[in-house]
């Protein structure tokens, strides 16, 4: 992907359900939130290191998935 974008800094957004609290499970409605995942590619990284970076970025993002996308830092 970074070859297409011509940059080493790539951000993608993934949808999450947004129902992290038990009291929201039975509500009807659209609770989807977008989690931005930022990955910085480096020619010095091995594939395993890149996967470890993506894993850590995803775990960090999921830890803060309760924050609305428009209230996250840019």
N, C-alpha and C. Protein backbone atom coordinates (compact mmCIF):
# COMPACT_ATOMS: atom_id res chain seq x y z
N UNK A 1 0.82 -1.19 0.00
CA UNK A 1 0.00 0.00 0.00
C UNK A 1 0.86 1.26 0.00
N UNK A 2 1.96 1.23 0.75
CA UNK A 2 2.78 2.44 0.81
C UNK A 2 3.44 2.73 -0.53
N UNK A 3 3.59 1.72 -1.38
CA UNK A 3 4.16 1.96 -2.71
C UNK A 3 3.16 2.70 -3.60
N UNK A 4 1.88 2.42 -3.43
CA UNK A 4 0.85 3.11 -4.21
C UNK A 4 0.72 4.55 -3.74
N UNK A 5 0.74 4.76 -2.43
CA UNK A 5 0.58 6.10 -1.86
C UNK A 5 1.84 6.95 -1.97
N UNK A 6 2.97 6.31 -2.23
CA UNK A 6 4.27 7.00 -2.33
C UNK A 6 4.65 7.70 -1.03
N UNK A 7 4.30 7.08 0.09
CA UNK A 7 4.66 7.61 1.40
C UNK A 7 4.91 6.44 2.34
N UNK A 8 5.72 6.66 3.36
CA UNK A 8 5.97 5.64 4.37
C UNK A 8 5.00 5.71 5.53
N UNK A 9 4.19 6.75 5.57
CA UNK A 9 3.24 6.99 6.66
C UNK A 9 1.83 6.76 6.11
N UNK A 10 1.20 5.66 6.53
CA UNK A 10 -0.11 5.29 6.00
C UNK A 10 -1.11 5.20 7.15
N UNK A 11 -2.29 5.80 6.96
CA UNK A 11 -3.36 5.72 7.94
C UNK A 11 -4.57 5.11 7.26
N UNK A 12 -5.12 4.07 7.89
CA UNK A 12 -6.35 3.47 7.39
C UNK A 12 -7.38 3.51 8.51
N UNK A 13 -8.64 3.50 8.15
CA UNK A 13 -9.71 3.50 9.13
C UNK A 13 -10.44 2.17 9.11
N UNK A 14 -10.68 1.61 10.29
CA UNK A 14 -11.43 0.37 10.37
C UNK A 14 -12.68 0.61 11.23
N UNK A 15 -13.80 0.03 10.84
CA UNK A 15 -15.03 0.21 11.62
C UNK A 15 -15.05 -0.72 12.83
N UNK A 16 -15.60 -0.23 13.93
CA UNK A 16 -15.82 -1.04 15.13
C UNK A 16 -17.26 -0.87 15.56
N UNK A 17 -17.79 -1.85 16.25
CA UNK A 17 -19.21 -1.87 16.61
C UNK A 17 -19.60 -0.74 17.55
N UNK A 18 -18.72 -0.33 18.45
CA UNK A 18 -19.04 0.77 19.35
C UNK A 18 -19.96 0.40 20.49
N UNK A 19 -20.16 -0.86 20.73
CA UNK A 19 -21.02 -1.30 21.84
C UNK A 19 -20.14 -1.92 22.93
N UNK A 20 -19.36 -1.09 23.57
CA UNK A 20 -18.41 -1.58 24.57
C UNK A 20 -19.00 -1.62 25.97
N UNK A 21 -20.17 -1.02 26.17
CA UNK A 21 -20.79 -1.00 27.49
C UNK A 21 -22.01 -1.92 27.49
N UNK A 22 -22.19 -2.72 28.53
CA UNK A 22 -23.30 -3.69 28.57
C UNK A 22 -24.68 -3.05 28.40
N UNK A 23 -24.87 -1.85 28.91
CA UNK A 23 -26.19 -1.21 28.82
C UNK A 23 -26.54 -0.79 27.39
N UNK A 24 -25.59 -0.81 26.48
CA UNK A 24 -25.86 -0.46 25.08
C UNK A 24 -26.19 -1.67 24.21
N UNK A 25 -25.98 -2.87 24.73
CA UNK A 25 -26.15 -4.08 23.92
C UNK A 25 -27.56 -4.25 23.39
N UNK A 26 -28.57 -3.84 24.13
CA UNK A 26 -29.96 -4.07 23.73
C UNK A 26 -30.58 -2.89 22.98
N UNK A 27 -29.84 -1.82 22.81
CA UNK A 27 -30.36 -0.66 22.09
C UNK A 27 -30.33 -0.89 20.58
N UNK A 28 -31.29 -0.33 19.92
CA UNK A 28 -31.33 -0.40 18.47
C UNK A 28 -30.70 0.88 17.93
N UNK A 29 -29.89 0.76 16.92
CA UNK A 29 -29.28 1.94 16.32
C UNK A 29 -27.90 1.66 15.81
N UNK A 30 -27.35 2.67 15.19
CA UNK A 30 -26.06 2.57 14.53
C UNK A 30 -25.00 3.12 15.47
N UNK A 31 -24.13 2.28 15.98
CA UNK A 31 -23.11 2.68 16.93
C UNK A 31 -21.70 2.56 16.36
N UNK A 32 -21.58 2.48 15.07
CA UNK A 32 -20.27 2.26 14.45
C UNK A 32 -19.37 3.48 14.63
N UNK A 33 -18.13 3.20 14.96
CA UNK A 33 -17.11 4.23 15.09
C UNK A 33 -15.95 3.82 14.18
N UNK A 34 -15.15 4.75 13.78
CA UNK A 34 -13.99 4.46 12.94
C UNK A 34 -12.71 4.60 13.76
N UNK A 35 -11.88 3.57 13.71
CA UNK A 35 -10.59 3.62 14.38
C UNK A 35 -9.50 3.88 13.35
N UNK A 36 -8.76 4.96 13.52
CA UNK A 36 -7.63 5.19 12.61
C UNK A 36 -6.42 4.37 13.05
N UNK A 37 -5.82 3.68 12.12
CA UNK A 37 -4.61 2.92 12.38
C UNK A 37 -3.48 3.52 11.55
N UNK A 38 -2.46 4.00 12.22
CA UNK A 38 -1.34 4.64 11.54
C UNK A 38 -0.13 3.72 11.58
N UNK A 39 0.38 3.38 10.41
CA UNK A 39 1.54 2.50 10.30
C UNK A 39 2.62 3.24 9.51
N UNK A 40 3.82 3.21 10.03
CA UNK A 40 4.96 3.84 9.36
C UNK A 40 5.87 2.73 8.85
N UNK A 41 5.97 2.63 7.53
CA UNK A 41 6.80 1.62 6.89
C UNK A 41 8.25 2.08 6.87
N UNK A 42 9.14 1.15 7.04
CA UNK A 42 10.57 1.43 6.98
C UNK A 42 11.25 0.30 6.24
N UNK A 43 12.18 0.62 5.37
CA UNK A 43 12.88 -0.45 4.65
C UNK A 43 13.74 -1.30 5.58
N UNK A 44 13.98 -0.83 6.79
CA UNK A 44 14.81 -1.56 7.75
C UNK A 44 14.02 -2.57 8.57
N UNK A 45 12.67 -2.52 8.48
CA UNK A 45 11.84 -3.44 9.24
C UNK A 45 11.74 -4.79 8.53
N UNK A 46 11.80 -5.84 9.32
CA UNK A 46 11.49 -7.15 8.76
C UNK A 46 9.97 -7.29 8.72
N UNK A 47 9.48 -8.29 8.00
CA UNK A 47 8.04 -8.50 7.93
C UNK A 47 7.47 -8.77 9.32
N UNK A 48 8.19 -9.54 10.12
CA UNK A 48 7.75 -9.83 11.49
C UNK A 48 7.66 -8.55 12.32
N UNK A 49 8.65 -7.66 12.20
CA UNK A 49 8.62 -6.39 12.93
C UNK A 49 7.44 -5.52 12.48
N UNK A 50 7.18 -5.52 11.18
CA UNK A 50 6.03 -4.76 10.66
C UNK A 50 4.73 -5.31 11.24
N UNK A 51 4.58 -6.63 11.27
CA UNK A 51 3.38 -7.22 11.87
C UNK A 51 3.27 -6.88 13.35
N UNK A 52 4.38 -6.88 14.07
CA UNK A 52 4.36 -6.51 15.48
C UNK A 52 3.92 -5.06 15.66
N UNK A 53 4.39 -4.18 14.77
CA UNK A 53 3.99 -2.77 14.82
C UNK A 53 2.50 -2.63 14.56
N UNK A 54 1.99 -3.31 13.54
CA UNK A 54 0.56 -3.24 13.22
C UNK A 54 -0.27 -3.79 14.37
N UNK A 55 0.19 -4.88 14.98
CA UNK A 55 -0.53 -5.46 16.12
C UNK A 55 -0.61 -4.46 17.27
N UNK A 56 0.51 -3.83 17.60
CA UNK A 56 0.53 -2.87 18.71
C UNK A 56 -0.35 -1.66 18.41
N UNK A 57 -0.29 -1.15 17.18
CA UNK A 57 -1.14 -0.02 16.79
C UNK A 57 -2.61 -0.39 16.92
N UNK A 58 -2.97 -1.60 16.49
CA UNK A 58 -4.37 -2.05 16.58
C UNK A 58 -4.80 -2.19 18.03
N UNK A 59 -3.97 -2.79 18.87
CA UNK A 59 -4.31 -2.94 20.29
C UNK A 59 -4.49 -1.58 20.96
N UNK A 60 -3.61 -0.64 20.66
CA UNK A 60 -3.73 0.71 21.23
C UNK A 60 -5.02 1.38 20.77
N UNK A 61 -5.36 1.21 19.50
CA UNK A 61 -6.58 1.82 18.97
C UNK A 61 -7.82 1.20 19.62
N UNK A 62 -7.84 -0.12 19.75
CA UNK A 62 -9.00 -0.77 20.38
C UNK A 62 -9.15 -0.37 21.83
N UNK A 63 -8.06 -0.06 22.51
CA UNK A 63 -8.14 0.37 23.90
C UNK A 63 -8.86 1.70 24.04
N UNK A 64 -8.90 2.48 22.96
CA UNK A 64 -9.55 3.80 23.00
C UNK A 64 -10.73 3.89 22.05
N UNK A 65 -11.32 2.74 21.70
CA UNK A 65 -12.40 2.74 20.72
C UNK A 65 -13.67 3.44 21.21
N UNK A 66 -13.78 3.68 22.50
CA UNK A 66 -14.96 4.36 23.04
C UNK A 66 -14.96 5.86 22.70
N UNK A 67 -13.82 6.41 22.31
CA UNK A 67 -13.75 7.83 21.94
C UNK A 67 -14.28 8.03 20.53
N UNK A 68 -15.18 8.99 20.33
CA UNK A 68 -15.64 9.28 18.97
C UNK A 68 -14.48 9.72 18.08
N UNK A 69 -14.53 9.34 16.81
CA UNK A 69 -13.45 9.64 15.87
C UNK A 69 -13.14 11.13 15.81
N UNK A 70 -14.15 11.98 15.86
CA UNK A 70 -13.92 13.42 15.75
C UNK A 70 -13.31 14.02 17.02
N UNK A 71 -13.16 13.23 18.09
CA UNK A 71 -12.53 13.73 19.31
C UNK A 71 -11.14 13.17 19.52
N UNK A 72 -10.60 12.46 18.53
CA UNK A 72 -9.26 11.90 18.66
C UNK A 72 -8.24 12.94 18.21
N UNK A 73 -7.01 12.79 18.70
CA UNK A 73 -5.95 13.71 18.31
C UNK A 73 -5.56 13.50 16.86
N UNK A 74 -5.17 14.54 16.21
CA UNK A 74 -4.72 14.44 14.83
C UNK A 74 -3.27 14.78 14.75
